Amino acid sequence: GAKSVPLERLLSVDELAELLGVPIKTVYRWRHRGEGPQAIPVGRYLRFDPADVSRWLEKRKAAS
């Protein structure tokens, strides 16, 4: 069946940018290039699952 999504509060683009200390434009550029944490489209907005963001950061750390 469908995996249940643990409903943590999702981060907005603004919140993600603030959290990572990058400009909002950078978050959109990542999305355009297929980089960055996985985005979840919710209507016209993009949201980010904190768990996905954590995994993405771990991968970046491992790769550096």
N, C-alpha and C. Protein backbone atom coordinates (compact mmCIF):
# COMPACT_ATOMS: atom_id res chain seq x y z
N GLY A 1 0.82 -1.21 0.00
CA GLY A 1 0.00 0.00 0.00
C GLY A 1 0.85 1.25 0.00
N ALA A 2 0.21 2.37 0.08
CA ALA A 2 0.92 3.65 0.09
C ALA A 2 1.65 3.81 1.42
N LYS A 3 2.86 4.35 1.32
CA LYS A 3 3.60 4.63 2.55
C LYS A 3 2.94 5.81 3.23
N SER A 4 2.81 5.74 4.54
CA SER A 4 2.24 6.89 5.22
C SER A 4 3.35 7.92 5.44
N VAL A 5 3.01 9.16 5.25
CA VAL A 5 3.98 10.23 5.40
C VAL A 5 3.90 10.72 6.84
N PRO A 6 5.03 10.69 7.56
CA PRO A 6 4.97 11.26 8.92
C PRO A 6 4.79 12.76 8.77
N LEU A 7 3.71 13.28 9.33
CA LEU A 7 3.40 14.68 9.06
C LEU A 7 4.14 15.61 10.02
N GLU A 8 5.43 15.75 9.76
CA GLU A 8 6.16 16.82 10.38
C GLU A 8 5.78 18.06 9.62
N ARG A 9 6.03 19.22 10.22
CA ARG A 9 5.75 20.45 9.49
C ARG A 9 6.73 20.56 8.33
N LEU A 10 6.20 20.83 7.16
CA LEU A 10 7.06 20.97 5.99
C LEU A 10 7.64 22.38 5.96
N LEU A 11 8.83 22.49 5.40
CA LEU A 11 9.49 23.78 5.31
C LEU A 11 9.14 24.47 4.00
N SER A 12 8.95 25.77 4.05
CA SER A 12 8.76 26.55 2.83
C SER A 12 10.13 26.85 2.22
N VAL A 13 10.12 27.37 1.01
CA VAL A 13 11.37 27.75 0.35
C VAL A 13 12.11 28.78 1.21
N ASP A 14 11.38 29.75 1.73
CA ASP A 14 11.99 30.79 2.58
C ASP A 14 12.65 30.17 3.81
N GLU A 15 11.93 29.25 4.44
CA GLU A 15 12.45 28.62 5.66
C GLU A 15 13.68 27.77 5.36
N LEU A 16 13.63 27.03 4.25
CA LEU A 16 14.78 26.21 3.87
C LEU A 16 16.00 27.09 3.60
N ALA A 17 15.78 28.17 2.86
CA ALA A 17 16.88 29.09 2.54
C ALA A 17 17.48 29.66 3.83
N GLU A 18 16.62 30.05 4.76
CA GLU A 18 17.08 30.60 6.04
C GLU A 18 17.85 29.55 6.83
N LEU A 19 17.30 28.35 6.86
CA LEU A 19 17.91 27.25 7.59
C LEU A 19 19.32 26.94 7.08
N LEU A 20 19.46 26.94 5.75
CA LEU A 20 20.74 26.59 5.14
C LEU A 20 21.66 27.80 4.96
N GLY A 21 21.10 29.00 5.20
CA GLY A 21 21.89 30.21 5.04
C GLY A 21 22.23 30.51 3.60
N VAL A 22 21.29 30.22 2.69
CA VAL A 22 21.49 30.53 1.27
C VAL A 22 20.36 31.43 0.79
N PRO A 23 20.60 32.18 -0.29
CA PRO A 23 19.51 33.00 -0.84
C PRO A 23 18.38 32.13 -1.37
N ILE A 24 17.17 32.67 -1.33
CA ILE A 24 16.00 31.96 -1.84
C ILE A 24 16.21 31.58 -3.30
N LYS A 25 16.83 32.48 -4.07
CA LYS A 25 17.11 32.20 -5.49
C LYS A 25 17.91 30.92 -5.66
N THR A 26 18.82 30.65 -4.74
CA THR A 26 19.65 29.45 -4.80
C THR A 26 18.78 28.20 -4.71
N VAL A 27 17.78 28.23 -3.83
CA VAL A 27 16.88 27.07 -3.67
C VAL A 27 16.15 26.80 -4.99
N TYR A 28 15.68 27.86 -5.64
CA TYR A 28 14.99 27.69 -6.93
C TYR A 28 15.96 27.21 -8.01
N ARG A 29 17.21 27.71 -7.97
CA ARG A 29 18.21 27.28 -8.94
C ARG A 29 18.49 25.79 -8.78
N TRP A 30 18.62 25.34 -7.53
CA TRP A 30 18.82 23.91 -7.26
C TRP A 30 17.70 23.09 -7.87
N ARG A 31 16.48 23.56 -7.66
CA ARG A 31 15.32 22.82 -8.16
C ARG A 31 15.40 22.73 -9.68
N HIS A 32 15.73 23.84 -10.30
CA HIS A 32 15.83 23.91 -11.76
C HIS A 32 16.88 22.92 -12.27
N ARG A 33 17.98 22.77 -11.53
CA ARG A 33 19.08 21.89 -11.95
C ARG A 33 18.94 20.47 -11.43
N GLY A 34 17.90 20.22 -10.64
CA GLY A 34 17.73 18.90 -10.06
C GLY A 34 18.70 18.62 -8.93
N GLU A 35 19.20 19.69 -8.30
CA GLU A 35 20.06 19.54 -7.13
C GLU A 35 19.23 19.87 -5.89
N GLY A 36 19.87 19.90 -4.76
CA GLY A 36 19.18 20.30 -3.54
C GLY A 36 18.25 19.22 -3.01
N PRO A 37 17.68 19.48 -1.84
CA PRO A 37 16.76 18.50 -1.23
C PRO A 37 15.51 18.33 -2.11
N GLN A 38 14.89 17.17 -2.01
CA GLN A 38 13.69 16.89 -2.78
C GLN A 38 12.57 17.85 -2.39
N ALA A 39 11.96 18.48 -3.40
CA ALA A 39 10.85 19.40 -3.14
C ALA A 39 9.53 18.67 -3.32
N ILE A 40 8.55 19.05 -2.52
CA ILE A 40 7.21 18.48 -2.63
C ILE A 40 6.29 19.60 -3.11
N PRO A 41 5.74 19.49 -4.32
CA PRO A 41 4.83 20.54 -4.77
C PRO A 41 3.50 20.43 -4.03
N VAL A 42 3.08 21.53 -3.42
CA VAL A 42 1.78 21.58 -2.74
C VAL A 42 1.04 22.76 -3.37
N GLY A 43 0.13 22.44 -4.28
CA GLY A 43 -0.50 23.52 -5.04
C GLY A 43 0.56 24.27 -5.82
N ARG A 44 0.59 25.59 -5.70
CA ARG A 44 1.57 26.40 -6.43
C ARG A 44 2.86 26.55 -5.65
N TYR A 45 2.92 25.95 -4.47
CA TYR A 45 4.06 26.16 -3.59
C TYR A 45 4.96 24.94 -3.53
N LEU A 46 6.21 25.18 -3.17
CA LEU A 46 7.13 24.08 -2.92
C LEU A 46 7.32 23.95 -1.42
N ARG A 47 7.32 22.71 -0.96
CA ARG A 47 7.58 22.45 0.45
C ARG A 47 8.66 21.39 0.54
N PHE A 48 9.34 21.37 1.68
CA PHE A 48 10.44 20.43 1.88
C PHE A 48 10.24 19.70 3.19
N ASP A 49 10.40 18.38 3.15
CA ASP A 49 10.29 17.55 4.35
C ASP A 49 11.62 17.65 5.09
N PRO A 50 11.58 18.04 6.38
CA PRO A 50 12.83 18.15 7.14
C PRO A 50 13.68 16.88 7.09
N ALA A 51 13.05 15.71 7.01
CA ALA A 51 13.79 14.45 6.94
C ALA A 51 14.58 14.35 5.63
N ASP A 52 13.95 14.80 4.52
CA ASP A 52 14.64 14.82 3.23
C ASP A 52 15.82 15.79 3.26
N VAL A 53 15.60 16.94 3.89
CA VAL A 53 16.66 17.94 4.00
C VAL A 53 17.83 17.38 4.78
N SER A 54 17.54 16.69 5.89
CA SER A 54 18.60 16.07 6.71
C SER A 54 19.39 15.05 5.91
N ARG A 55 18.67 14.19 5.17
CA ARG A 55 19.35 13.17 4.36
C ARG A 55 20.23 13.83 3.31
N TRP A 56 19.71 14.87 2.68
CA TRP A 56 20.47 15.59 1.65
C TRP A 56 21.75 16.19 2.25
N LEU A 57 21.63 16.78 3.43
CA LEU A 57 22.79 17.37 4.10
C LEU A 57 23.82 16.30 4.45
N GLU A 58 23.36 15.15 4.92
CA GLU A 58 24.26 14.05 5.26
C GLU A 58 25.04 13.60 4.03
N LYS A 59 24.35 13.49 2.88
CA LYS A 59 25.00 13.09 1.64
C LYS A 59 26.06 14.11 1.24
N ARG A 60 25.76 15.39 1.41
CA ARG A 60 26.71 16.45 1.07
C ARG A 60 27.94 16.33 1.95
N LYS A 61 27.71 16.06 3.23
CA LYS A 61 28.83 15.93 4.17
C LYS A 61 29.71 14.75 3.79
N ALA A 62 29.08 13.65 3.45
CA ALA A 62 29.81 12.44 3.09
C ALA A 62 30.62 12.65 1.81
N ALA A 63 30.10 13.47 0.90
CA ALA A 63 30.74 13.67 -0.39
C ALA A 63 31.89 14.68 -0.33
N SER A 64 31.91 15.49 0.75
CA SER A 64 32.92 16.54 0.79
C SER A 64 34.27 16.03 1.24
